[in-house]
Amino acid sequence: MTVRYHQRGGQRIVPDYVCQRAGIAQAQPPCQRIPGAALDRAVADLLLKRVTPEAIALVVTLQGELVQRAEDAQRLRHLQVERAQYEADVAQRRSLRVDPDNRLVAQVLEAEWNAKLRELAAAQEAEAHFRQTDAQTVSPQDQQRLGEIPERMAQFWRQPQTSDRDRKRMARLLIDDVTLLSAEHIVAHIRFKGGANQTIQVPLPLPFAQSRLTAPQTLEVMQQVLHDVTDAQAAEQLNALGYRTCTGLPFEATHVAQ
């Protein structure tokens, strides 16, 4: 699925997710279109809930276990190097002690020595390679910085100055992909980095005509207020009471009149 953006109210950027492979290949209509505003908010809330101090502490603990396992494996690999070195030294001494006139035996012992040298080189290469890729110990300073991630991430995500582009980059650090299905609800199967999976359901937004209706409770209050005041005064009282229009805007006289 691809993403399309459009403006709502002249300001807010709203995404839609569209399956249009058949449209690109065969000029057919999109087979599925899913409104993305509520879906994006749900995924964002899920990310902020998943990145918690407890989750970070668990990661640090698991990292410590991985380091211990890596050290154990490194000791085994070093023992393999020592054994290969010993066998290569033995093969060398045997090859050097043989009578040069006994060419057949000399060739066999020399081939055995070369084979042991190749095994030694392979063991040394494996030890060097895995030493570079083994898990590293998390220092106390790194642990402190890791502990600050949940709060700093939430602050960064919720700041109005943070762009959607930066939020996307942050989401890509945590999520591999999302599979979307649209039925009675929007079903999102989320696959996180590392292989964890979670499925969430998001209610489908109301049809456009219904979404533009003023809430019945707001209408009741408006009717009561209009017995004694003008449209403009009614708008002021509704705003003071915390009521908003169907699009979330403060009331004006024109809204009340409509």
Protein backbone atom coordinates (compact mmCIF):
# COMPACT_ATOMS: atom_id res chain seq x y z
CA MET A 1 0.00 0.00 0.00
CA THR A 2 1.13 3.53 -0.71
CA VAL A 3 0.39 6.69 1.25
CA ARG A 4 -1.37 9.80 -0.03
CA TYR A 5 -1.58 13.08 1.85
CA HIS A 6 -4.23 15.75 1.65
CA GLN A 7 -5.06 18.85 3.63
CA ARG A 8 -8.11 19.17 5.83
CA GLY A 9 -9.25 22.57 6.96
CA GLY A 10 -6.43 24.16 5.00
CA GLN A 11 -3.88 23.23 7.68
CA ARG A 12 -3.91 19.69 9.00
CA ILE A 13 -2.19 17.10 6.80
CA VAL A 14 -4.17 13.84 6.70
CA PRO A 15 -2.80 10.56 5.29
CA ASP A 16 -4.73 7.87 3.42
CA TYR A 17 -3.31 4.42 2.67
CA VAL A 18 -4.18 3.13 -0.80
CA CYS A 19 -3.69 -0.23 -2.51
CA GLN A 20 -3.25 0.82 -6.12
CA ARG A 21 -1.04 -1.82 -7.71
CA ALA A 22 -3.85 -2.82 -10.07
CA GLY A 23 -4.42 0.85 -10.85
CA ILE A 24 -0.79 1.36 -11.80
CA ALA A 25 -0.53 -1.86 -13.81
CA GLN A 26 -3.99 -2.04 -15.40
CA ALA A 27 -5.63 1.38 -14.84
CA GLN A 28 -8.18 -0.09 -12.42
CA PRO A 29 -9.67 1.71 -9.41
CA PRO A 30 -7.87 1.27 -6.07
CA CYS A 31 -8.95 -1.99 -4.44
CA GLN A 32 -8.67 -0.59 -0.91
CA ARG A 33 -8.43 2.85 0.66
CA ILE A 34 -7.94 3.23 4.42
CA PRO A 35 -8.15 6.59 6.23
CA GLY A 36 -4.89 7.01 8.05
CA ALA A 37 -5.33 9.78 10.63
CA ALA A 38 -6.79 7.62 13.42
CA LEU A 39 -4.53 4.72 12.43
CA ASP A 40 -1.40 6.85 12.70
CA ARG A 41 -2.45 8.10 16.12
CA ALA A 42 -3.09 4.54 17.32
CA VAL A 43 0.32 3.32 16.12
CA ALA A 44 2.01 6.35 17.70
CA ASP A 45 0.30 5.66 21.03
CA LEU A 46 1.40 2.03 20.80
CA LEU A 47 5.02 3.02 20.19
CA LEU A 48 5.06 5.34 23.19
CA LYS A 49 3.54 2.61 25.36
CA ARG A 50 6.07 0.02 24.19
CA VAL A 51 9.13 2.18 24.86
CA THR A 52 9.00 2.30 28.66
CA PRO A 53 11.67 2.36 31.40
CA GLU A 54 10.80 -1.27 32.16
CA ALA A 55 11.35 -2.26 28.52
CA ILE A 56 14.71 -0.45 28.45
CA ALA A 57 15.77 -2.17 31.69
CA LEU A 58 14.86 -5.54 30.17
CA VAL A 59 16.95 -4.75 27.09
CA VAL A 60 19.95 -3.89 29.28
CA THR A 61 19.52 -7.15 31.22
CA LEU A 62 19.31 -9.19 28.03
CA GLN A 63 22.37 -7.39 26.69
CA GLY A 64 24.29 -8.44 29.80
CA GLU A 65 23.29 -12.06 29.23
CA LEU A 66 24.37 -11.83 25.59
CA VAL A 67 27.74 -10.43 26.65
CA GLN A 68 28.24 -13.33 29.07
CA ARG A 69 27.36 -15.87 26.38
CA ALA A 70 29.69 -14.13 23.95
CA GLU A 71 32.55 -14.32 26.46
CA ASP A 72 31.91 -18.05 27.00
CA ALA A 73 31.87 -18.64 23.24
CA GLN A 74 35.04 -16.60 22.83
CA ARG A 75 36.84 -18.76 25.38
CA LEU A 76 35.82 -21.88 23.46
CA ARG A 77 37.03 -20.38 20.19
CA HIS A 78 40.37 -19.50 21.82
CA LEU A 79 40.73 -23.10 23.04
CA GLN A 80 40.13 -24.24 19.46
CA VAL A 81 42.92 -21.92 18.30
CA GLU A 82 45.29 -23.30 20.94
CA ARG A 83 44.45 -26.88 19.97
CA ALA A 84 44.93 -26.12 16.27
CA GLN A 85 48.26 -24.45 17.07
CA TYR A 86 49.38 -27.51 19.06
CA GLU A 87 48.41 -29.90 16.27
CA ALA A 88 50.18 -27.72 13.69
CA ASP A 89 53.36 -27.68 15.83
CA VAL A 90 53.25 -31.47 16.20
CA ALA A 91 52.78 -31.90 12.44
CA GLN A 92 55.72 -29.54 11.83
CA ARG A 93 58.07 -31.47 14.13
CA ARG A 94 57.06 -34.78 12.55
CA SER A 95 57.63 -33.38 9.07
CA LEU A 96 61.04 -31.95 9.93
CA ARG A 97 62.28 -35.17 11.59
CA VAL A 98 61.53 -37.42 8.60
CA ASP A 99 64.41 -38.69 6.45
CA PRO A 100 64.43 -36.59 3.23
CA ASP A 101 65.33 -39.68 1.25
CA ASN A 102 62.01 -41.23 2.24
CA ARG A 103 60.10 -39.03 -0.18
CA LEU A 104 56.73 -40.75 0.10
CA VAL A 105 56.59 -40.39 3.89
CA ALA A 106 57.96 -36.83 3.66
CA GLN A 107 55.21 -35.83 1.20
CA VAL A 108 52.48 -37.32 3.40
CA LEU A 109 53.78 -35.58 6.53
CA GLU A 110 54.21 -32.28 4.69
CA ALA A 111 50.62 -32.47 3.38
CA GLU A 112 49.41 -33.18 6.92
CA TRP A 113 51.37 -30.16 8.19
CA ASN A 114 49.83 -27.91 5.52
CA ALA A 115 46.34 -29.16 6.42
CA LYS A 116 46.94 -28.37 10.11
CA LEU A 117 48.20 -24.90 9.15
CA ARG A 118 44.99 -24.27 7.19
CA GLU A 119 42.90 -25.40 10.17
CA LEU A 120 44.89 -23.06 12.42
CA ALA A 121 44.37 -20.13 10.06
CA ALA A 122 40.62 -20.84 9.90
CA ALA A 123 40.37 -21.01 13.70
CA GLN A 124 42.29 -17.74 14.10
CA GLU A 125 40.13 -16.03 11.49
CA ALA A 126 36.93 -17.21 13.20
CA GLU A 127 38.19 -15.99 16.58
CA ALA A 128 39.05 -12.54 15.16
CA HIS A 129 35.76 -12.26 13.27
CA PHE A 130 33.52 -13.12 16.19
CA ARG A 131 35.53 -10.92 18.55
CA GLN A 132 34.54 -7.95 16.40
CA THR A 133 30.86 -8.93 16.18
CA ASP A 134 30.30 -10.10 19.77
CA ALA A 135 27.92 -8.11 21.96
CA GLN A 136 29.51 -5.21 23.81
CA THR A 137 29.04 -4.44 27.50
CA VAL A 138 26.70 -1.52 28.23
CA SER A 139 28.59 1.03 30.30
CA PRO A 140 26.93 2.84 33.26
CA GLN A 141 26.89 6.03 31.19
CA ASP A 142 25.11 4.23 28.35
CA GLN A 143 22.64 2.71 30.80
CA GLN A 144 21.79 6.18 32.09
CA ARG A 145 21.28 7.49 28.57
CA LEU A 146 19.14 4.47 27.69
CA GLY A 147 16.99 5.10 30.75
CA GLU A 148 16.24 8.60 29.47
CA ILE A 149 15.02 7.37 26.08
CA PRO A 150 11.29 6.84 26.94
CA GLU A 151 10.78 10.34 28.35
CA ARG A 152 12.87 12.03 25.67
CA MET A 153 11.11 10.08 22.92
CA ALA A 154 7.66 11.05 24.23
CA GLN A 155 8.68 14.72 24.48
CA PHE A 156 10.15 14.72 20.99
CA TRP A 157 7.14 12.96 19.50
CA ARG A 158 4.58 15.31 21.05
CA GLN A 159 6.36 18.56 20.35
CA PRO A 160 4.47 20.64 17.77
CA GLN A 161 7.82 21.56 16.20
CA THR A 162 8.57 17.90 15.39
CA SER A 163 7.87 17.23 11.73
CA ASP A 164 6.01 14.18 10.44
CA ARG A 165 9.17 13.29 8.52
CA ASP A 166 11.12 12.98 11.79
CA ARG A 167 8.33 10.96 13.39
CA LYS A 168 8.48 8.58 10.42
CA ARG A 169 12.23 8.16 10.84
CA MET A 170 11.73 7.34 14.51
CA ALA A 171 8.99 4.83 13.69
CA ARG A 172 11.27 3.08 11.19
CA LEU A 173 13.77 2.44 14.00
CA LEU A 174 11.12 0.42 15.85
CA ILE A 175 8.83 -1.07 13.18
CA ASP A 176 9.63 -3.35 10.25
CA ASP A 177 6.22 -3.22 8.57
CA VAL A 178 2.46 -2.96 9.11
CA THR A 179 -0.17 -5.06 7.33
CA LEU A 180 -3.56 -3.37 7.04
CA LEU A 181 -7.00 -4.95 6.60
CA SER A 182 -10.23 -3.00 6.43
CA ALA A 183 -13.49 -4.64 7.56
CA GLU A 184 -15.78 -3.47 10.36
CA HIS A 185 -12.61 -2.04 11.88
CA ILE A 186 -9.17 -1.17 10.59
CA VAL A 187 -6.99 -4.11 11.60
CA ALA A 188 -3.24 -3.41 11.75
CA HIS A 189 -0.73 -6.25 12.19
CA ILE A 190 2.47 -4.56 13.39
CA ARG A 191 5.83 -6.31 13.15
CA PHE A 192 8.52 -4.71 15.29
CA LYS A 193 12.28 -4.81 14.88
CA GLY A 194 13.47 -8.03 16.43
CA GLY A 195 10.42 -10.06 15.40
CA ALA A 196 7.77 -9.13 17.99
CA ASN A 197 4.22 -8.79 16.64
CA GLN A 198 1.10 -7.01 17.83
CA THR A 199 -2.35 -6.55 16.32
CA ILE A 200 -4.51 -3.52 17.02
CA GLN A 201 -7.99 -2.52 15.89
CA VAL A 202 -8.93 1.05 15.04
CA PRO A 203 -12.54 2.15 14.50
CA LEU A 204 -13.35 3.32 11.00
CA PRO A 205 -14.05 7.07 10.83
CA LEU A 206 -17.63 8.20 10.37
CA PRO A 207 -18.83 8.95 6.84
CA PHE A 208 -18.18 12.55 5.87
CA ALA A 209 -21.81 13.63 6.21
CA GLN A 210 -22.08 12.22 9.73
CA SER A 211 -18.74 13.66 10.77
CA ARG A 212 -20.06 17.17 10.01
CA LEU A 213 -23.00 16.88 12.43
CA THR A 214 -22.98 18.84 15.67
CA ALA A 215 -23.23 16.66 18.77
CA PRO A 216 -26.82 16.35 20.12
CA GLN A 217 -25.75 17.53 23.59
CA THR A 218 -24.24 20.66 22.08
CA LEU A 219 -27.47 21.34 20.17
CA GLU A 220 -29.53 21.02 23.35
CA VAL A 221 -27.34 23.55 25.18
CA MET A 222 -27.43 25.86 22.17
CA GLN A 223 -31.25 25.80 22.05
CA GLN A 224 -31.45 26.67 25.73
CA VAL A 225 -29.00 29.56 25.38
CA LEU A 226 -30.70 31.00 22.29
CA HIS A 227 -33.91 31.73 24.23
CA ASP A 228 -32.25 34.79 25.77
CA VAL A 229 -29.21 35.84 23.67
CA THR A 230 -28.11 36.50 20.10
CA ASP A 231 -26.15 34.11 17.90
CA ALA A 232 -22.86 35.85 18.72
CA GLN A 233 -23.56 35.81 22.45
CA ALA A 234 -24.57 32.15 22.24
CA ALA A 235 -21.26 31.36 20.53
CA GLU A 236 -19.36 33.08 23.36
CA GLN A 237 -21.26 31.12 26.02
CA LEU A 238 -20.76 27.81 24.22
CA ASN A 239 -17.02 28.45 23.95
CA ALA A 240 -16.86 29.40 27.64
CA LEU A 241 -18.55 26.09 28.53
CA GLY A 242 -15.98 24.17 26.49
CA TYR A 243 -18.18 23.17 23.53
CA ARG A 244 -16.74 23.06 20.03
CA THR A 245 -18.01 22.63 16.49
CA CYS A 246 -18.04 19.27 14.71
CA THR A 247 -14.56 20.06 13.36
CA GLY A 248 -13.19 20.99 16.80
CA LEU A 249 -13.18 24.75 16.24
CA PRO A 250 -14.50 27.44 18.61
CA PHE A 251 -18.03 28.58 17.85
CA GLU A 252 -18.73 31.77 15.92
CA ALA A 253 -22.04 33.46 15.23
CA THR A 254 -22.20 31.90 11.74
CA HIS A 255 -21.90 28.41 13.22
CA VAL A 256 -24.79 29.04 15.58
CA ALA A 257 -26.92 30.49 12.78
CA GLN A 258 -26.29 27.49 10.56
